[in-house]
Amino acid sequence: MYTERTLIRCIFKYKGKKYNIEDIMPHCLEKESVLFLYEYGNCSDDIYRASLIRIRYGDDEIPKLPEGSNEIELVDIDINCN
């Protein structure tokens, strides 16, 4: 069974350190929709970004940041729907 999905590859920056992150949306989204989510929507908040960093780099890599702290910068994003 084939399911369409959106693969998002991001580079986040926190306190001078860059983090390469992959995220998957369970359905195919247009590039503009994903950009909105990661720049202004739910995926733009540091709580979400920090959780992605912890999944890849471990729980001790980044502190739990408060909602709306805006400390994690989105440096680059690559979006592929397949």
PDB file of N, CA and C in Angstrom:
ATOM      1  N   MET A   1       0.838  -1.178   0.000  1.00  0.00           N
ATOM      2  CA  MET A   1       0.000   0.000   0.000  1.00  0.00           C
ATOM      3  C   MET A   1       0.887   1.248   0.000  1.00  0.00           C
ATOM      4  N   TYR A   2       0.676   2.143  -0.913  1.00  0.00           N
ATOM      5  CA  TYR A   2       1.469   3.364  -1.056  1.00  0.00           C
ATOM      6  C   TYR A   2       0.694   4.537  -0.461  1.00  0.00           C
ATOM      7  N   THR A   3       1.347   5.280   0.371  1.00  0.00           N
ATOM      8  CA  THR A   3       0.735   6.451   0.983  1.00  0.00           C
ATOM      9  C   THR A   3       1.575   7.668   0.648  1.00  0.00           C
ATOM     10  N   GLU A   4       0.929   8.701   0.140  1.00  0.00           N
ATOM     11  CA  GLU A   4       1.653   9.938  -0.132  1.00  0.00           C
ATOM     12  C   GLU A   4       2.010  10.617   1.180  1.00  0.00           C
ATOM     13  N   ARG A   5       3.150  11.286   1.173  1.00  0.00           N
ATOM     14  CA  ARG A   5       3.585  12.006   2.358  1.00  0.00           C
ATOM     15  C   ARG A   5       4.493  13.147   1.941  1.00  0.00           C
ATOM     16  N   THR A   6       4.716  14.055   2.843  1.00  0.00           N
ATOM     17  CA  THR A   6       5.609  15.178   2.608  1.00  0.00           C
ATOM     18  C   THR A   6       6.818  15.024   3.517  1.00  0.00           C
ATOM     19  N   LEU A   7       7.996  14.995   2.906  1.00  0.00           N
ATOM     20  CA  LEU A   7       9.248  14.928   3.649  1.00  0.00           C
ATOM     21  C   LEU A   7       9.818  16.337   3.736  1.00  0.00           C
ATOM     22  N   ILE A   8      10.091  16.762   4.959  1.00  0.00           N
ATOM     23  CA  ILE A   8      10.620  18.103   5.194  1.00  0.00           C
ATOM     24  C   ILE A   8      12.002  17.951   5.821  1.00  0.00           C
ATOM     25  N   ARG A   9      12.993  18.531   5.180  1.00  0.00           N
ATOM     26  CA  ARG A   9      14.354  18.560   5.727  1.00  0.00           C
ATOM     27  C   ARG A   9      14.653  19.997   6.102  1.00  0.00           C
ATOM     28  N   CYS A  10      14.998  20.201   7.354  1.00  0.00           N
ATOM     29  CA  CYS A  10      15.248  21.548   7.874  1.00  0.00           C
ATOM     30  C   CYS A  10      16.636  21.635   8.480  1.00  0.00           C
ATOM     31  N   ILE A  11      17.128  22.845   8.504  1.00  0.00           N
ATOM     32  CA  ILE A  11      18.285  23.164   9.327  1.00  0.00           C
ATOM     33  C   ILE A  11      17.816  24.223  10.317  1.00  0.00           C
ATOM     34  N   PHE A  12      17.906  23.881  11.595  1.00  0.00           N
ATOM     35  CA  PHE A  12      17.586  24.804  12.665  1.00  0.00           C
ATOM     36  C   PHE A  12      18.887  25.277  13.300  1.00  0.00           C
ATOM     37  N   LYS A  13      18.854  26.476  13.866  1.00  0.00           N
ATOM     38  CA  LYS A  13      20.024  27.020  14.554  1.00  0.00           C
ATOM     39  C   LYS A  13      19.607  27.482  15.935  1.00  0.00           C
ATOM     40  N   TYR A  14      20.365  27.012  16.938  1.00  0.00           N
ATOM     41  CA  TYR A  14      20.102  27.399  18.327  1.00  0.00           C
ATOM     42  C   TYR A  14      21.436  27.670  19.007  1.00  0.00           C
ATOM     43  N   LYS A  15      21.600  28.887  19.492  1.00  0.00           N
ATOM     44  CA  LYS A  15      22.830  29.304  20.181  1.00  0.00           C
ATOM     45  C   LYS A  15      24.082  28.960  19.383  1.00  0.00           C
ATOM     46  N   GLY A  16      24.054  29.280  18.086  1.00  0.00           N
ATOM     47  CA  GLY A  16      25.216  29.101  17.223  1.00  0.00           C
ATOM     48  C   GLY A  16      25.427  27.702  16.677  1.00  0.00           C
ATOM     49  N   LYS A  17      24.662  26.724  17.123  1.00  0.00           N
ATOM     50  CA  LYS A  17      24.806  25.350  16.651  1.00  0.00           C
ATOM     51  C   LYS A  17      23.683  25.023  15.671  1.00  0.00           C
ATOM     52  N   LYS A  18      24.041  24.363  14.563  1.00  0.00           N
ATOM     53  CA  LYS A  18      23.050  23.987  13.548  1.00  0.00           C
ATOM     54  C   LYS A  18      22.654  22.528  13.704  1.00  0.00           C
ATOM     55  N   TYR A  19      21.371  22.264  13.448  1.00  0.00           N
ATOM     56  CA  TYR A  19      20.799  20.935  13.574  1.00  0.00           C
ATOM     57  C   TYR A  19      20.092  20.556  12.279  1.00  0.00           C
ATOM     58  N   ASN A  20      20.492  19.434  11.679  1.00  0.00           N
ATOM     59  CA  ASN A  20      19.820  18.901  10.488  1.00  0.00           C
ATOM     60  C   ASN A  20      18.691  17.996  10.950  1.00  0.00           C
ATOM     61  N   ILE A  21      17.479  18.329  10.542  1.00  0.00           N
ATOM     62  CA  ILE A  21      16.280  17.646  11.020  1.00  0.00           C
ATOM     63  C   ILE A  21      15.441  17.173   9.835  1.00  0.00           C
ATOM     64  N   GLU A  22      14.809  16.019   9.998  1.00  0.00           N
ATOM     65  CA  GLU A  22      13.812  15.541   9.033  1.00  0.00           C
ATOM     66  C   GLU A  22      12.487  15.394   9.756  1.00  0.00           C
ATOM     67  N   ASP A  23      11.430  15.777   9.059  1.00  0.00           N
ATOM     68  CA  ASP A  23      10.075  15.649   9.577  1.00  0.00           C
ATOM     69  C   ASP A  23       9.215  15.110   8.448  1.00  0.00           C
ATOM     70  N   ILE A  24       8.175  14.387   8.777  1.00  0.00           N
ATOM     71  CA  ILE A  24       7.285  13.813   7.762  1.00  0.00           C
ATOM     72  C   ILE A  24       5.844  14.168   8.101  1.00  0.00           C
ATOM     73  N   MET A  25       5.136  14.674   7.109  1.00  0.00           N
ATOM     74  CA  MET A  25       3.692  14.889   7.218  1.00  0.00           C
ATOM     75  C   MET A  25       3.022  13.695   6.531  1.00  0.00           C
ATOM     76  N   PRO A  26       1.983  13.132   7.124  1.00  0.00           N
ATOM     77  CA  PRO A  26       1.391  11.895   6.598  1.00  0.00           C
ATOM     78  C   PRO A  26       0.578  12.056   5.318  1.00  0.00           C
ATOM     79  N   HIS A  27       0.594  13.233   4.729  1.00  0.00           N
ATOM     80  CA  HIS A  27      -0.120  13.449   3.479  1.00  0.00           C
ATOM     81  C   HIS A  27       0.673  14.468   2.655  1.00  0.00           C
ATOM     82  N   CYS A  28       0.370  14.558   1.397  1.00  0.00           N
ATOM     83  CA  CYS A  28       1.096  15.456   0.507  1.00  0.00           C
ATOM     84  C   CYS A  28       0.556  16.882   0.658  1.00  0.00           C
ATOM     85  N   LEU A  29       1.445  17.814   0.977  1.00  0.00           N
ATOM     86  CA  LEU A  29       1.066  19.216   1.124  1.00  0.00           C
ATOM     87  C   LEU A  29       1.789  20.057   0.075  1.00  0.00           C
ATOM     88  N   GLU A  30       1.165  21.140  -0.316  1.00  0.00           N
ATOM     89  CA  GLU A  30       1.816  22.078  -1.225  1.00  0.00           C
ATOM     90  C   GLU A  30       2.952  22.776  -0.486  1.00  0.00           C
ATOM     91  N   LYS A  31       3.974  23.163  -1.221  1.00  0.00           N
ATOM     92  CA  LYS A  31       5.158  23.799  -0.642  1.00  0.00           C
ATOM     93  C   LYS A  31       4.783  25.037   0.175  1.00  0.00           C
ATOM     94  N   GLU A  32       3.863  25.841  -0.331  1.00  0.00           N
ATOM     95  CA  GLU A  32       3.458  27.066   0.362  1.00  0.00           C
ATOM     96  C   GLU A  32       2.832  26.763   1.716  1.00  0.00           C
ATOM     97  N   SER A  33       2.069  25.673   1.794  1.00  0.00           N
ATOM     98  CA  SER A  33       1.432  25.284   3.056  1.00  0.00           C
ATOM     99  C   SER A  33       2.473  24.868   4.092  1.00  0.00           C
ATOM    100  N   VAL A  34       3.468  24.102   3.646  1.00  0.00           N
ATOM    101  CA  VAL A  34       4.521  23.670   4.561  1.00  0.00           C
ATOM    102  C   VAL A  34       5.341  24.871   5.023  1.00  0.00           C
ATOM    103  N   LEU A  35       5.665  25.766   4.115  1.00  0.00           N
ATOM    104  CA  LEU A  35       6.416  26.971   4.484  1.00  0.00           C
ATOM    105  C   LEU A  35       5.653  27.775   5.532  1.00  0.00           C
ATOM    106  N   PHE A  36       4.348  27.907   5.345  1.00  0.00           N
ATOM    107  CA  PHE A  36       3.544  28.634   6.328  1.00  0.00           C
ATOM    108  C   PHE A  36       3.608  27.956   7.693  1.00  0.00           C
ATOM    109  N   LEU A  37       3.443  26.621   7.717  1.00  0.00           N
ATOM    110  CA  LEU A  37       3.485  25.880   8.981  1.00  0.00           C
ATOM    111  C   LEU A  37       4.808  26.069   9.713  1.00  0.00           C
ATOM    112  N   TYR A  38       5.908  26.064   8.967  1.00  0.00           N
ATOM    113  CA  TYR A  38       7.237  26.148   9.584  1.00  0.00           C
ATOM    114  C   TYR A  38       7.687  27.576   9.872  1.00  0.00           C
ATOM    115  N   GLU A  39       7.083  28.549   9.224  1.00  0.00           N
ATOM    116  CA  GLU A  39       7.460  29.941   9.478  1.00  0.00           C
ATOM    117  C   GLU A  39       6.512  30.645  10.445  1.00  0.00           C
ATOM    118  N   TYR A  40       5.197  30.280  10.411  1.00  0.00           N
ATOM    119  CA  TYR A  40       4.206  31.000  11.218  1.00  0.00           C
ATOM    120  C   TYR A  40       3.246  30.094  11.982  1.00  0.00           C
ATOM    121  N   GLY A  41       3.112  28.860  11.562  1.00  0.00           N
ATOM    122  CA  GLY A  41       2.114  27.955  12.142  1.00  0.00           C
ATOM    123  C   GLY A  41       2.644  27.138  13.309  1.00  0.00           C
ATOM    124  N   ASN A  42       1.988  26.006  13.562  1.00  0.00           N
ATOM    125  CA  ASN A  42       2.328  25.142  14.695  1.00  0.00           C
ATOM    126  C   ASN A  42       3.779  24.677  14.689  1.00  0.00           C
ATOM    127  N   CYS A  43       4.346  24.456  13.514  1.00  0.00           N
ATOM    128  CA  CYS A  43       5.720  23.943  13.412  1.00  0.00           C
ATOM    129  C   CYS A  43       6.756  25.041  13.599  1.00  0.00           C
ATOM    130  N   SER A  44       6.327  26.276  13.762  1.00  0.00           N
ATOM    131  CA  SER A  44       7.265  27.384  13.944  1.00  0.00           C
ATOM    132  C   SER A  44       7.616  27.615  15.405  1.00  0.00           C
ATOM    133  N   ASP A  45       6.868  27.005  16.311  1.00  0.00           N
ATOM    134  CA  ASP A  45       7.095  27.240  17.737  1.00  0.00           C
ATOM    135  C   ASP A  45       8.300  26.442  18.230  1.00  0.00           C
ATOM    136  N   ASP A  46       9.035  27.006  19.162  1.00  0.00           N
ATOM    137  CA  ASP A  46      10.226  26.353  19.702  1.00  0.00           C
ATOM    138  C   ASP A  46       9.920  25.046  20.415  1.00  0.00           C
ATOM    139  N   ILE A  47       8.730  24.884  20.953  1.00  0.00           N
ATOM    140  CA  ILE A  47       8.372  23.622  21.596  1.00  0.00           C
ATOM    141  C   ILE A  47       8.436  22.489  20.574  1.00  0.00           C
ATOM    142  N   TYR A  48       7.864  22.718  19.385  1.00  0.00           N
ATOM    143  CA  TYR A  48       7.876  21.711  18.323  1.00  0.00           C
ATOM    144  C   TYR A  48       9.288  21.523  17.780  1.00  0.00           C
ATOM    145  N   ARG A  49       9.975  22.609  17.499  1.00  0.00           N
ATOM    146  CA  ARG A  49      11.326  22.528  16.927  1.00  0.00           C
ATOM    147  C   ARG A  49      12.281  21.827  17.884  1.00  0.00           C
ATOM    148  N   ALA A  50      12.209  22.165  19.163  1.00  0.00           N
ATOM    149  CA  ALA A  50      13.087  21.528  20.150  1.00  0.00           C
ATOM    150  C   ALA A  50      12.794  20.034  20.263  1.00  0.00           C
ATOM    151  N   SER A  51      11.528  19.651  20.147  1.00  0.00           N
ATOM    152  CA  SER A  51      11.192  18.222  20.221  1.00  0.00           C
ATOM    153  C   SER A  51      11.790  17.466  19.036  1.00  0.00           C
ATOM    154  N   LEU A  52      11.794  18.061  17.849  1.00  0.00           N
ATOM    155  CA  LEU A  52      12.425  17.422  16.694  1.00  0.00           C
ATOM    156  C   LEU A  52      13.930  17.276  16.895  1.00  0.00           C
ATOM    157  N   ILE A  53      14.551  18.288  17.470  1.00  0.00           N
ATOM    158  CA  ILE A  53      15.995  18.230  17.746  1.00  0.00           C
ATOM    159  C   ILE A  53      16.283  17.120  18.758  1.00  0.00           C
ATOM    160  N   ARG A  54      15.480  17.017  19.812  1.00  0.00           N
ATOM    161  CA  ARG A  54      15.681  15.980  20.828  1.00  0.00           C
ATOM    162  C   ARG A  54      15.509  14.582  20.255  1.00  0.00           C
ATOM    163  N   ILE A  55      14.560  14.404  19.348  1.00  0.00           N
ATOM    164  CA  ILE A  55      14.336  13.086  18.735  1.00  0.00           C
ATOM    165  C   ILE A  55      15.601  12.641  18.000  1.00  0.00           C
ATOM    166  N   ARG A  56      16.223  13.551  17.293  1.00  0.00           N
ATOM    167  CA  ARG A  56      17.401  13.196  16.488  1.00  0.00           C
ATOM    168  C   ARG A  56      18.706  13.198  17.290  1.00  0.00           C
ATOM    169  N   TYR A  57      18.867  14.151  18.200  1.00  0.00           N
ATOM    170  CA  TYR A  57      20.154  14.352  18.862  1.00  0.00           C
ATOM    171  C   TYR A  57      20.176  13.949  20.341  1.00  0.00           C
ATOM    172  N   GLY A  58      19.033  13.600  20.906  1.00  0.00           N
ATOM    173  CA  GLY A  58      18.987  13.174  22.301  1.00  0.00           C
ATOM    174  C   GLY A  58      18.358  14.221  23.205  1.00  0.00           C
ATOM    175  N   ASP A  59      17.863  13.759  24.331  1.00  0.00           N
ATOM    176  CA  ASP A  59      17.123  14.609  25.271  1.00  0.00           C
ATOM    177  C   ASP A  59      17.956  15.727  25.885  1.00  0.00           C
ATOM    178  N   ASP A  60      19.257  15.527  26.002  1.00  0.00           N
ATOM    179  CA  ASP A  60      20.107  16.520  26.660  1.00  0.00           C
ATOM    180  C   ASP A  60      20.657  17.579  25.703  1.00  0.00           C
ATOM    181  N   GLU A  61      20.333  17.479  24.431  1.00  0.00           N
ATOM    182  CA  GLU A  61      20.914  18.381  23.431  1.00  0.00           C
ATOM    183  C   GLU A  61      20.389  19.809  23.527  1.00  0.00           C
ATOM    184  N   ILE A  62      19.132  19.951  23.902  1.00  0.00           N
ATOM    185  CA  ILE A  62      18.514  21.273  23.909  1.00  0.00           C
ATOM    186  C   ILE A  62      17.511  21.333  25.056  1.00  0.00           C
ATOM    187  N   PRO A  63      17.428  22.455  25.754  1.00  0.00           N
ATOM    188  CA  PRO A  63      16.479  22.537  26.877  1.00  0.00           C
ATOM    189  C   PRO A  63      15.037  22.632  26.391  1.00  0.00           C
ATOM    190  N   LYS A  64      14.117  22.393  27.284  1.00  0.00           N
ATOM    191  CA  LYS A  64      12.702  22.595  26.977  1.00  0.00           C
ATOM    192  C   LYS A  64      12.449  24.091  27.024  1.00  0.00           C
ATOM    193  N   LEU A  65      12.128  24.640  25.884  1.00  0.00           N
ATOM    194  CA  LEU A  65      11.921  26.082  25.772  1.00  0.00           C
ATOM    195  C   LEU A  65      10.443  26.416  25.920  1.00  0.00           C
ATOM    196  N   PRO A  66      10.129  27.578  26.459  1.00  0.00           N
ATOM    197  CA  PRO A  66       8.724  27.960  26.613  1.00  0.00           C
ATOM    198  C   PRO A  66       8.086  28.319  25.271  1.00  0.00           C
ATOM    199  N   GLU A  67       6.798  28.182  25.221  1.00  0.00           N
ATOM    200  CA  GLU A  67       6.047  28.541  24.022  1.00  0.00           C
ATOM    201  C   GLU A  67       6.309  30.004  23.669  1.00  0.00           C
ATOM    202  N   GLY A  68       6.561  30.239  22.387  1.00  0.00           N
ATOM    203  CA  GLY A  68       6.761  31.601  21.908  1.00  0.00           C
ATOM    204  C   GLY A  68       8.126  32.193  22.195  1.00  0.00           C
ATOM    205  N   SER A  69       9.089  31.372  22.593  1.00  0.00           N
ATOM    206  CA  SER A  69      10.406  31.918  22.935  1.00  0.00           C
ATOM    207  C   SER A  69      11.191  32.394  21.712  1.00  0.00           C
ATOM    208  N   ASN A  70      10.930  31.839  20.552  1.00  0.00           N
ATOM    209  CA  ASN A  70      11.571  32.254  19.291  1.00  0.00           C
ATOM    210  C   ASN A  70      13.093  32.246  19.362  1.00  0.00           C
ATOM    211  N   GLU A  71      13.664  31.227  19.978  1.00  0.00           N
ATOM    212  CA  GLU A  71      15.113  31.109  20.075  1.00  0.00           C
ATOM    213  C   GLU A  71      15.704  30.192  19.012  1.00  0.00           C
ATOM    214  N   ILE A  72      14.896  29.328  18.424  1.00  0.00           N
ATOM    215  CA  ILE A  72      15.383  28.399  17.402  1.00  0.00           C
ATOM    216  C   ILE A  72      15.040  28.971  16.031  1.00  0.00           C
ATOM    217  N   GLU A  73      16.076  29.223  15.260  1.00  0.00           N
ATOM    218  CA  GLU A  73      15.921  29.846  13.938  1.00  0.00           C
ATOM    219  C   GLU A  73      15.841  28.780  12.848  1.00  0.00           C
ATOM    220  N   LEU A  74      14.919  28.968  11.905  1.00  0.00           N
ATOM    221  CA  LEU A  74      14.844  28.124  10.717  1.00  0.00           C
ATOM    222  C   LEU A  74      15.823  28.706   9.694  1.00  0.00           C
ATOM    223  N   VAL A  75      16.903  27.969   9.415  1.00  0.00           N
ATOM    224  CA  VAL A  75      17.954  28.447   8.516  1.00  0.00           C
ATOM    225  C   VAL A  75      17.671  28.041   7.071  1.00  0.00           C
ATOM    226  N   ASP A  76      17.191  26.804   6.889  1.00  0.00           N
ATOM    227  CA  ASP A  76      16.943  26.292   5.538  1.00  0.00           C
ATOM    228  C   ASP A  76      15.854  25.236   5.613  1.00  0.00           C
ATOM    229  N   ILE A  77      15.125  25.075   4.509  1.00  0.00           N
ATOM    230  CA  ILE A  77      14.070  24.057   4.451  1.00  0.00           C
ATOM    231  C   ILE A  77      13.981  23.511   3.024  1.00  0.00           C
ATOM    232  N   ASP A  78      13.827  22.195   2.937  1.00  0.00           N
ATOM    233  CA  ASP A  78      13.653  21.504   1.659  1.00  0.00           C
ATOM    234  C   ASP A  78      12.411  20.647   1.787  1.00  0.00           C
ATOM    235  N   ILE A  79      11.497  20.751   0.824  1.00  0.00           N
ATOM    236  CA  ILE A  79      10.198  20.097   0.904  1.00  0.00           C
ATOM    237  C   ILE A  79      10.008  19.187  -0.308  1.00  0.00           C
ATOM    238  N   ASN A  80       9.681  17.910  -0.042  1.00  0.00           N
ATOM    239  CA  ASN A  80       9.424  16.947  -1.117  1.00  0.00           C
ATOM    240  C   ASN A  80       8.167  16.153  -0.816  1.00  0.00           C
ATOM    241  N   CYS A  81       7.264  16.133  -1.775  1.00  0.00           N
ATOM    242  CA  CYS A  81       6.045  15.337  -1.651  1.00  0.00           C
ATOM    243  C   CYS A  81       6.203  14.107  -2.542  1.00  0.00           C
ATOM    244  N   ASN A  82       6.001  12.935  -1.935  1.00  0.00           N
ATOM    245  CA  ASN A  82       6.076  11.692  -2.726  1.00  0.00           C
ATOM    246  C   ASN A  82       5.098  10.668  -2.223  1.00  0.00           C
TER     247      ASN A  82
END
